[in-house]
Amino acid sequence: MKIFLDTANVDEIKNASEANLIDGITTNPSLMAKEIKRTGLDSNLILKKITKLVSGPISAEVVSKDLDGMVKEAKKLKEIAPQIVIKIPMTFDGMKAVRRLKKEEIDTNVTLVFSANQALLAAKAGATYVSPFVGRLDDIGNDGMNLVGEILTIFENYNFKTEVIVASVRHPKHVKESALMGAHIATIPYKILNKLFNHCLTDQGIVRFDNDWKDAHK
């Protein structure tokens, strides 16, 4: 399973990429706005900085809602770097935009997916990636990971090439379940990436080894 980092924070991306832990990046308008406020840089410059750190897919989301606006914005974003993937919302016009961009060989990531039917439509439209938001479904009492399983089954049934990005990841268990299900990608916040390292027995083992080493050299 590939791991994408769900952030626009250049410092977080730099730290994770130095350990070769991430295969790509996903951003959204909220994450980008947060980084704009933090750095004072405009969104295009932030994206350019990210593309210099990560060679894999980097999702940048359009903010237009109409077909022509989304396609126009997508083409401008794509000019930033070849690895830019255009994030498109799950709407009727959005799927039209996905179809048009596919004809121009521009990769797309359909976002805000909350049902298997939506994922099916995205795949039929020609999306490169589809992003089910598991955490937000969990928040309203649904089983987000169950949706991932449904999508993977449907895509396998019909040999869709669209890859599933498990998004809105809330905790390490989501990451483990994504890998067990065979999801292609999990996109995770930086704080969740750090939690993947943690285990109480690892911490205890390090302390014990240190203490034994110090005792032997007194």
N, C-alpha and C. Protein backbone atom coordinates (compact mmCIF):
# COMPACT_ATOMS: atom_id res chain seq x y z
N MET A 1 0.84 -1.19 0.00
CA MET A 1 0.00 0.00 0.00
C MET A 1 0.87 1.24 0.00
N LYS A 2 0.51 2.19 -0.87
CA LYS A 2 1.23 3.45 -0.89
C LYS A 2 0.70 4.37 0.22
N ILE A 3 1.58 5.18 0.75
CA ILE A 3 1.21 6.15 1.76
C ILE A 3 1.40 7.56 1.20
N PHE A 4 0.32 8.31 1.19
CA PHE A 4 0.37 9.73 0.85
C PHE A 4 0.27 10.52 2.16
N LEU A 5 0.87 11.70 2.18
CA LEU A 5 0.74 12.59 3.33
C LEU A 5 -0.33 13.63 3.02
N ASP A 6 -1.29 13.76 3.92
CA ASP A 6 -2.42 14.67 3.71
C ASP A 6 -2.11 16.01 4.38
N THR A 7 -1.41 16.85 3.66
CA THR A 7 -0.96 18.13 4.22
C THR A 7 -0.45 19.03 3.12
N ALA A 8 -0.41 20.33 3.41
CA ALA A 8 0.26 21.28 2.52
C ALA A 8 1.45 21.91 3.23
N ASN A 9 1.73 21.42 4.44
CA ASN A 9 2.83 21.96 5.24
C ASN A 9 4.17 21.47 4.70
N VAL A 10 4.95 22.38 4.17
CA VAL A 10 6.21 22.02 3.52
C VAL A 10 7.20 21.42 4.50
N ASP A 11 7.20 21.89 5.74
CA ASP A 11 8.12 21.36 6.74
C ASP A 11 7.79 19.90 7.07
N GLU A 12 6.50 19.60 7.21
CA GLU A 12 6.09 18.22 7.46
C GLU A 12 6.47 17.31 6.30
N ILE A 13 6.24 17.80 5.10
CA ILE A 13 6.55 17.01 3.91
C ILE A 13 8.05 16.76 3.80
N LYS A 14 8.84 17.77 4.08
CA LYS A 14 10.29 17.63 4.01
C LYS A 14 10.77 16.57 5.01
N ASN A 15 10.26 16.62 6.23
CA ASN A 15 10.68 15.68 7.26
C ASN A 15 10.32 14.25 6.88
N ALA A 16 9.12 14.05 6.37
CA ALA A 16 8.68 12.70 6.00
C ALA A 16 9.41 12.19 4.77
N SER A 17 9.66 13.07 3.82
CA SER A 17 10.31 12.64 2.58
C SER A 17 11.78 12.27 2.82
N GLU A 18 12.41 12.87 3.82
CA GLU A 18 13.81 12.55 4.13
C GLU A 18 13.97 11.10 4.58
N ALA A 19 12.91 10.52 5.13
CA ALA A 19 12.94 9.12 5.55
C ALA A 19 12.35 8.20 4.46
N ASN A 20 12.00 8.80 3.33
CA ASN A 20 11.45 8.03 2.20
C ASN A 20 10.20 7.26 2.61
N LEU A 21 9.34 7.93 3.41
CA LEU A 21 8.15 7.26 3.94
C LEU A 21 6.90 7.51 3.12
N ILE A 22 6.92 8.48 2.23
CA ILE A 22 5.69 8.85 1.54
C ILE A 22 5.84 8.71 0.03
N ASP A 23 4.74 8.35 -0.60
CA ASP A 23 4.72 8.13 -2.04
C ASP A 23 4.02 9.25 -2.79
N GLY A 24 3.35 10.13 -2.06
CA GLY A 24 2.64 11.23 -2.70
C GLY A 24 2.05 12.15 -1.66
N ILE A 25 1.33 13.16 -2.13
CA ILE A 25 0.75 14.19 -1.26
C ILE A 25 -0.69 14.45 -1.70
N THR A 26 -1.56 14.68 -0.71
CA THR A 26 -2.89 15.21 -1.03
C THR A 26 -3.08 16.52 -0.27
N THR A 27 -3.62 17.49 -0.97
CA THR A 27 -3.98 18.76 -0.34
C THR A 27 -5.45 19.03 -0.61
N ASN A 28 -5.98 20.03 0.06
CA ASN A 28 -7.33 20.51 -0.22
C ASN A 28 -7.37 22.00 0.10
N PRO A 29 -8.44 22.69 -0.24
CA PRO A 29 -8.47 24.13 0.03
C PRO A 29 -8.27 24.50 1.49
N SER A 30 -8.77 23.69 2.41
CA SER A 30 -8.60 23.98 3.84
C SER A 30 -7.14 23.85 4.26
N LEU A 31 -6.48 22.78 3.83
CA LEU A 31 -5.07 22.59 4.16
C LEU A 31 -4.21 23.67 3.51
N MET A 32 -4.55 24.02 2.29
CA MET A 32 -3.78 25.05 1.60
C MET A 32 -3.96 26.42 2.26
N ALA A 33 -5.19 26.73 2.67
CA ALA A 33 -5.45 28.00 3.34
C ALA A 33 -4.66 28.10 4.64
N LYS A 34 -4.58 26.98 5.36
CA LYS A 34 -3.81 26.95 6.61
C LYS A 34 -2.35 27.24 6.36
N GLU A 35 -1.79 26.68 5.28
CA GLU A 35 -0.38 26.90 4.97
C GLU A 35 -0.13 28.31 4.44
N ILE A 36 -1.09 28.86 3.71
CA ILE A 36 -0.98 30.25 3.24
C ILE A 36 -0.89 31.20 4.44
N LYS A 37 -1.74 30.96 5.43
CA LYS A 37 -1.73 31.80 6.64
C LYS A 37 -0.43 31.61 7.42
N ARG A 38 0.09 30.39 7.45
CA ARG A 38 1.30 30.10 8.22
C ARG A 38 2.54 30.73 7.59
N THR A 39 2.61 30.70 6.27
CA THR A 39 3.83 31.13 5.58
C THR A 39 3.73 32.48 4.88
N GLY A 40 2.51 32.89 4.55
CA GLY A 40 2.33 34.12 3.79
C GLY A 40 2.58 33.94 2.30
N LEU A 41 2.79 32.69 1.87
CA LEU A 41 3.04 32.40 0.45
C LEU A 41 1.72 32.12 -0.26
N ASP A 42 1.72 32.34 -1.59
CA ASP A 42 0.51 31.99 -2.34
C ASP A 42 0.50 30.49 -2.65
N SER A 43 -0.66 29.98 -3.04
CA SER A 43 -0.85 28.53 -3.19
C SER A 43 0.04 27.94 -4.29
N ASN A 44 0.23 28.66 -5.38
CA ASN A 44 1.07 28.13 -6.46
C ASN A 44 2.51 27.95 -6.01
N LEU A 45 3.01 28.91 -5.24
CA LEU A 45 4.39 28.81 -4.76
C LEU A 45 4.52 27.65 -3.77
N ILE A 46 3.51 27.45 -2.94
CA ILE A 46 3.53 26.33 -2.00
C ILE A 46 3.56 25.01 -2.77
N LEU A 47 2.75 24.91 -3.80
CA LEU A 47 2.73 23.69 -4.61
C LEU A 47 4.07 23.45 -5.29
N LYS A 48 4.69 24.52 -5.76
CA LYS A 48 6.01 24.38 -6.39
C LYS A 48 7.04 23.85 -5.41
N LYS A 49 6.98 24.34 -4.17
CA LYS A 49 7.90 23.85 -3.14
C LYS A 49 7.66 22.36 -2.87
N ILE A 50 6.39 21.97 -2.84
CA ILE A 50 6.06 20.57 -2.58
C ILE A 50 6.56 19.68 -3.70
N THR A 51 6.43 20.13 -4.94
CA THR A 51 6.85 19.30 -6.08
C THR A 51 8.36 19.08 -6.11
N LYS A 52 9.10 19.96 -5.45
CA LYS A 52 10.55 19.77 -5.39
C LYS A 52 10.96 18.75 -4.33
N LEU A 53 10.03 18.46 -3.42
CA LEU A 53 10.31 17.50 -2.34
C LEU A 53 9.79 16.10 -2.63
N VAL A 54 8.72 16.03 -3.43
CA VAL A 54 8.05 14.75 -3.68
C VAL A 54 7.87 14.55 -5.18
N SER A 55 8.36 13.44 -5.67
CA SER A 55 8.26 13.16 -7.11
C SER A 55 6.96 12.44 -7.46
N GLY A 56 6.29 11.88 -6.47
CA GLY A 56 5.05 11.15 -6.71
C GLY A 56 3.87 12.08 -6.90
N PRO A 57 2.66 11.52 -7.02
CA PRO A 57 1.46 12.31 -7.28
C PRO A 57 1.18 13.33 -6.17
N ILE A 58 0.81 14.53 -6.58
CA ILE A 58 0.49 15.60 -5.63
C ILE A 58 -0.88 16.16 -6.01
N SER A 59 -1.87 15.91 -5.18
CA SER A 59 -3.24 16.34 -5.49
C SER A 59 -3.44 17.79 -5.10
N ALA A 60 -3.92 18.58 -6.07
CA ALA A 60 -4.26 19.98 -5.84
C ALA A 60 -5.71 20.17 -6.28
N GLU A 61 -6.52 20.73 -5.41
CA GLU A 61 -7.96 20.77 -5.64
C GLU A 61 -8.42 22.06 -6.30
N VAL A 62 -9.34 21.93 -7.25
CA VAL A 62 -9.97 23.10 -7.86
C VAL A 62 -10.99 23.67 -6.88
N VAL A 63 -11.26 24.97 -7.01
CA VAL A 63 -12.28 25.59 -6.18
C VAL A 63 -13.50 26.00 -7.00
N SER A 64 -13.37 26.00 -8.32
CA SER A 64 -14.51 26.28 -9.19
C SER A 64 -15.54 25.16 -9.06
N LYS A 65 -16.80 25.49 -9.30
CA LYS A 65 -17.88 24.51 -9.20
C LYS A 65 -18.47 24.15 -10.57
N ASP A 66 -18.31 25.01 -11.57
CA ASP A 66 -18.86 24.75 -12.89
C ASP A 66 -17.84 24.02 -13.76
N LEU A 67 -18.33 23.35 -14.80
CA LEU A 67 -17.49 22.53 -15.66
C LEU A 67 -16.34 23.32 -16.27
N ASP A 68 -16.65 24.40 -16.95
CA ASP A 68 -15.59 25.16 -17.63
C ASP A 68 -14.59 25.73 -16.64
N GLY A 69 -15.08 26.19 -15.49
CA GLY A 69 -14.19 26.75 -14.49
C GLY A 69 -13.24 25.71 -13.94
N MET A 70 -13.75 24.49 -13.68
CA MET A 70 -12.90 23.41 -13.15
C MET A 70 -11.83 23.01 -14.16
N VAL A 71 -12.23 22.90 -15.43
CA VAL A 71 -11.26 22.49 -16.45
C VAL A 71 -10.19 23.56 -16.64
N LYS A 72 -10.59 24.81 -16.67
CA LYS A 72 -9.63 25.91 -16.83
C LYS A 72 -8.66 25.95 -15.66
N GLU A 73 -9.18 25.81 -14.46
CA GLU A 73 -8.34 25.83 -13.26
C GLU A 73 -7.40 24.62 -13.24
N ALA A 74 -7.92 23.47 -13.66
CA ALA A 74 -7.12 22.24 -13.69
C ALA A 74 -5.91 22.40 -14.60
N LYS A 75 -6.10 22.98 -15.75
CA LYS A 75 -5.01 23.15 -16.71
C LYS A 75 -3.92 24.07 -16.15
N LYS A 76 -4.34 25.10 -15.41
CA LYS A 76 -3.36 26.01 -14.81
C LYS A 76 -2.57 25.30 -13.71
N LEU A 77 -3.26 24.50 -12.91
CA LEU A 77 -2.57 23.75 -11.86
C LEU A 77 -1.59 22.75 -12.46
N LYS A 78 -1.98 22.13 -13.54
CA LYS A 78 -1.14 21.12 -14.18
C LYS A 78 0.15 21.73 -14.72
N GLU A 79 0.12 23.01 -15.05
CA GLU A 79 1.31 23.69 -15.56
C GLU A 79 2.40 23.81 -14.50
N ILE A 80 2.04 23.69 -13.22
CA ILE A 80 3.02 23.86 -12.14
C ILE A 80 4.07 22.76 -12.19
N ALA A 81 3.62 21.52 -12.39
CA ALA A 81 4.54 20.37 -12.43
C ALA A 81 3.80 19.17 -13.00
N PRO A 82 4.51 18.26 -13.65
CA PRO A 82 3.84 17.10 -14.27
C PRO A 82 3.20 16.15 -13.28
N GLN A 83 3.67 16.12 -12.02
CA GLN A 83 3.10 15.16 -11.06
C GLN A 83 1.85 15.68 -10.35
N ILE A 84 1.40 16.89 -10.73
CA ILE A 84 0.18 17.42 -10.15
C ILE A 84 -1.02 16.61 -10.61
N VAL A 85 -1.84 16.18 -9.65
CA VAL A 85 -3.11 15.50 -9.91
C VAL A 85 -4.24 16.46 -9.53
N ILE A 86 -5.26 16.53 -10.36
CA ILE A 86 -6.33 17.50 -10.13
C ILE A 86 -7.43 16.87 -9.29
N LYS A 87 -7.68 17.47 -8.15
CA LYS A 87 -8.72 16.99 -7.24
C LYS A 87 -10.05 17.63 -7.64
N ILE A 88 -11.04 16.78 -7.91
CA ILE A 88 -12.33 17.23 -8.42
C ILE A 88 -13.43 16.75 -7.47
N PRO A 89 -14.41 17.63 -7.11
CA PRO A 89 -15.47 17.19 -6.22
C PRO A 89 -16.47 16.26 -6.91
N MET A 90 -17.10 15.40 -6.14
CA MET A 90 -18.07 14.45 -6.65
C MET A 90 -19.40 15.15 -6.93
N THR A 91 -19.49 15.75 -8.11
CA THR A 91 -20.71 16.39 -8.59
C THR A 91 -20.91 16.00 -10.04
N PHE A 92 -22.07 16.31 -10.59
CA PHE A 92 -22.34 16.00 -11.99
C PHE A 92 -21.34 16.73 -12.90
N ASP A 93 -21.20 18.04 -12.68
CA ASP A 93 -20.21 18.80 -13.46
C ASP A 93 -18.79 18.30 -13.19
N GLY A 94 -18.56 17.87 -11.96
CA GLY A 94 -17.24 17.35 -11.63
C GLY A 94 -16.89 16.13 -12.46
N MET A 95 -17.85 15.23 -12.66
CA MET A 95 -17.58 14.03 -13.45
C MET A 95 -17.43 14.37 -14.93
N LYS A 96 -18.12 15.41 -15.38
CA LYS A 96 -17.91 15.87 -16.75
C LYS A 96 -16.49 16.41 -16.90
N ALA A 97 -16.02 17.11 -15.86
CA ALA A 97 -14.65 17.64 -15.89
C ALA A 97 -13.64 16.49 -15.89
N VAL A 98 -13.90 15.47 -15.09
CA VAL A 98 -13.01 14.30 -15.06
C VAL A 98 -12.91 13.69 -16.45
N ARG A 99 -14.04 13.54 -17.11
CA ARG A 99 -14.07 12.95 -18.45
C ARG A 99 -13.27 13.79 -19.43
N ARG A 100 -13.47 15.09 -19.37
CA ARG A 100 -12.76 15.97 -20.30
C ARG A 100 -11.26 15.97 -20.04
N LEU A 101 -10.89 15.98 -18.76
CA LEU A 101 -9.46 15.99 -18.41
C LEU A 101 -8.80 14.67 -18.78
N LYS A 102 -9.52 13.58 -18.66
CA LYS A 102 -8.96 12.28 -19.04
C LYS A 102 -8.59 12.28 -20.52
N LYS A 103 -9.42 12.88 -21.35
CA LYS A 103 -9.14 12.95 -22.78
C LYS A 103 -7.86 13.74 -23.06
N GLU A 104 -7.53 14.64 -22.15
CA GLU A 104 -6.31 15.43 -22.29
C GLU A 104 -5.16 14.84 -21.48
N GLU A 105 -5.37 13.61 -20.98
CA GLU A 105 -4.36 12.86 -20.24
C GLU A 105 -3.90 13.59 -18.97
N ILE A 106 -4.87 14.20 -18.29
CA ILE A 106 -4.61 14.85 -17.01
C ILE A 106 -5.23 13.99 -15.91
N ASP A 107 -4.41 13.56 -14.96
CA ASP A 107 -4.87 12.68 -13.88
C ASP A 107 -5.79 13.43 -12.92
N THR A 108 -6.78 12.71 -12.39
CA THR A 108 -7.75 13.32 -11.49
C THR A 108 -7.94 12.46 -10.24
N ASN A 109 -8.34 13.13 -9.18
CA ASN A 109 -8.65 12.49 -7.89
C ASN A 109 -10.02 13.00 -7.47
N VAL A 110 -11.03 12.12 -7.51
CA VAL A 110 -12.38 12.54 -7.15
C VAL A 110 -12.52 12.49 -5.63
N THR A 111 -12.85 13.64 -5.06
CA THR A 111 -12.87 13.80 -3.61
C THR A 111 -14.29 13.94 -3.08
N LEU A 112 -14.42 13.86 -1.75
CA LEU A 112 -15.71 13.94 -1.07
C LEU A 112 -16.63 12.80 -1.51
N VAL A 113 -16.08 11.60 -1.53
CA VAL A 113 -16.85 10.40 -1.87
C VAL A 113 -17.32 9.73 -0.58
N PHE A 114 -18.63 9.49 -0.49
CA PHE A 114 -19.21 8.91 0.73
C PHE A 114 -20.10 7.71 0.44
N SER A 115 -20.14 7.23 -0.79
CA SER A 115 -20.93 6.04 -1.11
C SER A 115 -20.27 5.26 -2.22
N ALA A 116 -20.61 3.97 -2.28
CA ALA A 116 -20.09 3.11 -3.35
C ALA A 116 -20.60 3.56 -4.71
N ASN A 117 -21.84 4.05 -4.75
CA ASN A 117 -22.38 4.54 -6.02
C ASN A 117 -21.58 5.72 -6.56
N GLN A 118 -21.19 6.64 -5.66
CA GLN A 118 -20.38 7.77 -6.09
C GLN A 118 -19.04 7.30 -6.64
N ALA A 119 -18.43 6.32 -5.97
CA ALA A 119 -17.15 5.79 -6.44
C ALA A 119 -17.30 5.13 -7.81
N LEU A 120 -18.41 4.42 -8.01
CA LEU A 120 -18.68 3.78 -9.29
C LEU A 120 -18.78 4.82 -10.40
N LEU A 121 -19.49 5.90 -10.14
CA LEU A 121 -19.62 6.97 -11.14
C LEU A 121 -18.27 7.59 -11.47
N ALA A 122 -17.44 7.80 -10.43
CA ALA A 122 -16.12 8.38 -10.64
C ALA A 122 -15.26 7.48 -11.51
N ALA A 123 -15.31 6.17 -11.25
CA ALA A 123 -14.52 5.23 -12.04
C ALA A 123 -15.00 5.19 -13.48
N LYS A 124 -16.32 5.22 -13.69
CA LYS A 124 -16.86 5.21 -15.04
C LYS A 124 -16.51 6.48 -15.80
N ALA A 125 -16.40 7.59 -15.06
CA ALA A 125 -16.03 8.85 -15.71
C ALA A 125 -14.56 8.87 -16.12
N GLY A 126 -13.76 7.96 -15.48
CA GLY A 126 -12.35 7.88 -15.85
C GLY A 126 -11.39 8.46 -14.83
N ALA A 127 -11.83 8.56 -13.58
CA ALA A 127 -10.96 9.11 -12.53
C ALA A 127 -9.73 8.23 -12.33
N THR A 128 -8.60 8.87 -12.11
CA THR A 128 -7.37 8.14 -11.78
C THR A 128 -7.44 7.60 -10.37
N TYR A 129 -7.98 8.42 -9.46
CA TYR A 129 -8.12 8.05 -8.05
C TYR A 129 -9.51 8.43 -7.57
N VAL A 130 -9.97 7.72 -6.54
CA VAL A 130 -11.20 8.09 -5.86
C VAL A 130 -10.92 8.09 -4.37
N SER A 131 -11.44 9.09 -3.66
CA SER A 131 -11.10 9.27 -2.24
C SER A 131 -12.33 9.16 -1.35
N PRO A 132 -12.60 7.97 -0.80
CA PRO A 132 -13.66 7.84 0.21
C PRO A 132 -13.19 8.41 1.54
N PHE A 133 -14.04 9.21 2.18
CA PHE A 133 -13.69 9.89 3.43
C PHE A 133 -14.19 9.06 4.62
N VAL A 134 -13.34 8.16 5.09
CA VAL A 134 -13.78 7.20 6.10
C VAL A 134 -14.04 7.85 7.46
N GLY A 135 -13.20 8.78 7.85
CA GLY A 135 -13.35 9.41 9.16
C GLY A 135 -14.63 10.19 9.29
N ARG A 136 -15.01 10.89 8.25
CA ARG A 136 -16.24 11.69 8.31
C ARG A 136 -17.47 10.79 8.37
N LEU A 137 -17.39 9.62 7.73
CA LEU A 137 -18.49 8.66 7.85
C LEU A 137 -18.56 8.10 9.27
N ASP A 138 -17.40 7.79 9.85
CA ASP A 138 -17.37 7.32 11.24
C ASP A 138 -17.99 8.37 12.17
N ASP A 139 -17.73 9.64 11.87
CA ASP A 139 -18.21 10.72 12.72
C ASP A 139 -19.73 10.76 12.83
N ILE A 140 -20.44 10.28 11.78
CA ILE A 140 -21.90 10.31 11.81
C ILE A 140 -22.49 8.93 12.08
N GLY A 141 -21.65 8.03 12.59
CA GLY A 141 -22.14 6.73 13.02
C GLY A 141 -22.11 5.64 11.97
N ASN A 142 -21.54 5.91 10.80
CA ASN A 142 -21.40 4.89 9.77
C ASN A 142 -20.03 4.23 9.87
N ASP A 143 -19.82 3.16 9.11
CA ASP A 143 -18.55 2.44 9.10
C ASP A 143 -17.80 2.82 7.83
N GLY A 144 -16.86 3.75 7.96
CA GLY A 144 -16.13 4.23 6.79
C GLY A 144 -15.34 3.15 6.10
N MET A 145 -14.72 2.28 6.87
CA MET A 145 -13.89 1.23 6.27
C MET A 145 -14.74 0.21 5.52
N ASN A 146 -15.99 0.03 5.92
CA ASN A 146 -16.90 -0.85 5.18
C ASN A 146 -17.10 -0.32 3.77
N LEU A 147 -17.19 0.99 3.65
CA LEU A 147 -17.32 1.61 2.32
C LEU A 147 -16.10 1.31 1.46
N VAL A 148 -14.91 1.37 2.04
CA VAL A 148 -13.69 1.06 1.29
C VAL A 148 -13.75 -0.36 0.74
N GLY A 149 -14.20 -1.29 1.57
CA GLY A 149 -14.33 -2.67 1.13
C GLY A 149 -15.30 -2.81 -0.03
N GLU A 150 -16.42 -2.11 0.04
CA GLU A 150 -17.41 -2.15 -1.04
C GLU A 150 -16.82 -1.62 -2.35
N ILE A 151 -16.11 -0.51 -2.26
CA ILE A 151 -15.52 0.09 -3.46
C ILE A 151 -14.49 -0.84 -4.09
N LEU A 152 -13.63 -1.42 -3.25
CA LEU A 152 -12.61 -2.32 -3.76
C LEU A 152 -13.24 -3.52 -4.47
N THR A 153 -14.33 -4.04 -3.91
CA THR A 153 -15.02 -5.18 -4.53
C THR A 153 -15.60 -4.79 -5.88
N ILE A 154 -16.25 -3.64 -5.95
CA ILE A 154 -16.84 -3.18 -7.20
C ILE A 154 -15.77 -2.96 -8.27
N PHE A 155 -14.69 -2.33 -7.88
CA PHE A 155 -13.62 -2.06 -8.85
C PHE A 155 -13.00 -3.37 -9.36
N GLU A 156 -12.88 -4.34 -8.45
CA GLU A 156 -12.33 -5.63 -8.86
C GLU A 156 -13.31 -6.38 -9.77
N ASN A 157 -14.61 -6.28 -9.46
CA ASN A 157 -15.63 -6.95 -10.27
C ASN A 157 -15.57 -6.53 -11.74
N TYR A 158 -15.30 -5.26 -11.96
CA TYR A 158 -15.38 -4.72 -13.31
C TYR A 158 -14.04 -4.25 -13.86
N ASN A 159 -12.98 -4.61 -13.14
CA ASN A 159 -11.62 -4.33 -13.60
C ASN A 159 -11.37 -2.84 -13.87
N PHE A 160 -11.94 -2.00 -13.01
CA PHE A 160 -11.66 -0.57 -13.10
C PHE A 160 -10.20 -0.31 -12.72
N LYS A 161 -9.57 0.60 -13.41
CA LYS A 161 -8.17 0.94 -13.13
C LYS A 161 -8.04 2.03 -12.07
N THR A 162 -9.15 2.65 -11.70
CA THR A 162 -9.15 3.71 -10.69
C THR A 162 -8.62 3.17 -9.37
N GLU A 163 -7.70 3.91 -8.75
CA GLU A 163 -7.13 3.51 -7.46
C GLU A 163 -7.89 4.16 -6.31
N VAL A 164 -7.99 3.42 -5.21
CA VAL A 164 -8.72 3.90 -4.04
C VAL A 164 -7.74 4.54 -3.06
N ILE A 165 -8.00 5.81 -2.74
CA ILE A 165 -7.24 6.53 -1.71
C ILE A 165 -8.11 6.62 -0.46
N VAL A 166 -7.75 5.92 0.59
CA VAL A 166 -8.48 6.02 1.86
C VAL A 166 -8.14 7.37 2.48
N ALA A 167 -9.16 8.22 2.62
CA ALA A 167 -8.94 9.60 3.08
C ALA A 167 -9.71 9.87 4.38
N SER A 168 -9.47 11.03 4.95
CA SER A 168 -10.06 11.40 6.24
C SER A 168 -9.70 10.36 7.30
N VAL A 169 -8.43 9.98 7.32
CA VAL A 169 -7.92 8.99 8.27
C VAL A 169 -7.80 9.62 9.65
N ARG A 170 -8.39 8.97 10.64
CA ARG A 170 -8.46 9.54 11.99
C ARG A 170 -7.43 8.94 12.96
N HIS A 171 -7.00 7.70 12.71
CA HIS A 171 -6.14 7.02 13.68
C HIS A 171 -5.38 5.89 12.98
N PRO A 172 -4.35 5.34 13.64
CA PRO A 172 -3.54 4.28 13.03
C PRO A 172 -4.35 3.05 12.62
N LYS A 173 -5.43 2.75 13.31
CA LYS A 173 -6.24 1.59 12.96
C LYS A 173 -6.78 1.71 11.54
N HIS A 174 -7.15 2.92 11.13
CA HIS A 174 -7.60 3.13 9.76
C HIS A 174 -6.51 2.73 8.76
N VAL A 175 -5.27 3.04 9.09
CA VAL A 175 -4.16 2.71 8.19
C VAL A 175 -4.00 1.20 8.09
N LYS A 176 -4.01 0.53 9.24
CA LYS A 176 -3.87 -0.93 9.26
C LYS A 176 -5.02 -1.60 8.49
N GLU A 177 -6.24 -1.15 8.72
CA GLU A 177 -7.38 -1.75 8.05
C GLU A 177 -7.32 -1.51 6.54
N SER A 178 -6.82 -0.35 6.14
CA SER A 178 -6.67 -0.07 4.71
C SER A 178 -5.72 -1.06 4.06
N ALA A 179 -4.60 -1.33 4.74
CA ALA A 179 -3.62 -2.27 4.21
C ALA A 179 -4.17 -3.69 4.17
N LEU A 180 -4.90 -4.09 5.21
CA LEU A 180 -5.47 -5.43 5.26
C LEU A 180 -6.51 -5.64 4.17
N MET A 181 -7.25 -4.58 3.84
CA MET A 181 -8.27 -4.68 2.80
C MET A 181 -7.69 -4.67 1.39
N GLY A 182 -6.45 -4.21 1.28
CA GLY A 182 -5.85 -4.11 -0.03
C GLY A 182 -6.09 -2.79 -0.72
N ALA A 183 -6.39 -1.75 0.05
CA ALA A 183 -6.54 -0.42 -0.54
C ALA A 183 -5.23 -0.02 -1.20
N HIS A 184 -5.33 0.69 -2.31
CA HIS A 184 -4.13 1.06 -3.05
C HIS A 184 -3.30 2.09 -2.29
N ILE A 185 -3.99 3.01 -1.62
CA ILE A 185 -3.33 4.16 -0.98
C ILE A 185 -4.09 4.55 0.29
N ALA A 186 -3.37 5.00 1.30
CA ALA A 186 -3.97 5.71 2.43
C ALA A 186 -3.29 7.06 2.51
N THR A 187 -4.08 8.11 2.58
CA THR A 187 -3.50 9.44 2.74
C THR A 187 -3.73 9.88 4.18
N ILE A 188 -2.66 10.17 4.89
CA ILE A 188 -2.75 10.34 6.33
C ILE A 188 -2.15 11.66 6.78
N PRO A 189 -2.73 12.28 7.82
CA PRO A 189 -2.15 13.49 8.38
C PRO A 189 -0.79 13.20 9.00
N TYR A 190 0.01 14.24 9.14
CA TYR A 190 1.36 14.10 9.69
C TYR A 190 1.34 13.53 11.11
N LYS A 191 0.37 13.95 11.91
CA LYS A 191 0.32 13.46 13.30
C LYS A 191 0.01 11.96 13.35
N ILE A 192 -0.77 11.47 12.38
CA ILE A 192 -1.06 10.04 12.34
C ILE A 192 0.17 9.26 11.87
N LEU A 193 0.91 9.84 10.93
CA LEU A 193 2.15 9.20 10.48
C LEU A 193 3.08 8.99 11.67
N ASN A 194 3.20 9.98 12.53
CA ASN A 194 4.06 9.85 13.70
C ASN A 194 3.55 8.78 14.66
N LYS A 195 2.25 8.64 14.77
CA LYS A 195 1.68 7.64 15.67
C LYS A 195 1.96 6.21 15.20
N LEU A 196 2.20 6.03 13.90
CA LEU A 196 2.48 4.69 13.38
C LEU A 196 3.76 4.12 13.97
N PHE A 197 4.66 4.97 14.41
CA PHE A 197 5.92 4.51 15.01
C PHE A 197 5.74 3.99 16.44
N ASN A 198 4.66 4.41 17.08
CA ASN A 198 4.56 4.24 18.53
C ASN A 198 4.09 2.85 18.96
N HIS A 199 4.77 2.30 19.96
CA HIS A 199 4.29 1.11 20.68
C HIS A 199 4.97 1.11 22.03
N CYS A 200 4.20 0.82 23.07
CA CYS A 200 4.75 0.89 24.43
C CYS A 200 5.91 -0.08 24.62
N LEU A 201 5.87 -1.25 23.98
CA LEU A 201 6.95 -2.22 24.13
C LEU A 201 8.23 -1.75 23.44
N THR A 202 8.08 -1.01 22.36
CA THR A 202 9.26 -0.42 21.72
C THR A 202 9.91 0.58 22.66
N ASP A 203 9.10 1.44 23.27
CA ASP A 203 9.62 2.44 24.21
C ASP A 203 10.30 1.76 25.41
N GLN A 204 9.65 0.74 25.94
CA GLN A 204 10.22 0.03 27.09
C GLN A 204 11.52 -0.67 26.71
N GLY A 205 11.55 -1.24 25.52
CA GLY A 205 12.75 -1.93 25.07
C GLY A 205 13.93 -1.00 24.93
N ILE A 206 13.69 0.21 24.39
CA ILE A 206 14.78 1.19 24.24
C ILE A 206 15.33 1.59 25.60
N VAL A 207 14.42 1.83 26.55
CA VAL A 207 14.85 2.21 27.91
C VAL A 207 15.67 1.08 28.55
N ARG A 208 15.21 -0.15 28.38
CA ARG A 208 15.92 -1.29 28.98
C ARG A 208 17.30 -1.46 28.38
N PHE A 209 17.40 -1.38 27.05
CA PHE A 209 18.70 -1.51 26.40
C PHE A 209 19.65 -0.41 26.88
N ASP A 210 19.14 0.82 27.00
CA ASP A 210 19.97 1.94 27.45
C ASP A 210 20.47 1.70 28.88
N ASN A 211 19.56 1.26 29.74
CA ASN A 211 19.94 1.03 31.13
C ASN A 211 20.97 -0.09 31.26
N ASP A 212 20.77 -1.18 30.50
CA ASP A 212 21.72 -2.29 30.55
C ASP A 212 23.09 -1.86 30.05
N TRP A 213 23.11 -1.04 29.00
CA TRP A 213 24.38 -0.56 28.45
C TRP A 213 25.10 0.32 29.46
N LYS A 214 24.36 1.20 30.12
CA LYS A 214 24.96 2.09 31.11
C LYS A 214 25.50 1.30 32.31
N ASP A 215 24.73 0.29 32.75
CA ASP A 215 25.19 -0.54 33.88
C ASP A 215 26.50 -1.27 33.54
N ALA A 216 26.60 -1.73 32.33
CA ALA A 216 27.81 -2.50 31.91
C ALA A 216 29.02 -1.61 31.82
N HIS A 217 28.83 -0.28 31.72
CA HIS A 217 29.97 0.62 31.54
C HIS A 217 30.20 1.53 32.73
N LYS A 218 29.61 1.17 33.88
CA LYS A 218 29.87 1.98 35.07
C LYS A 218 31.30 1.74 35.56
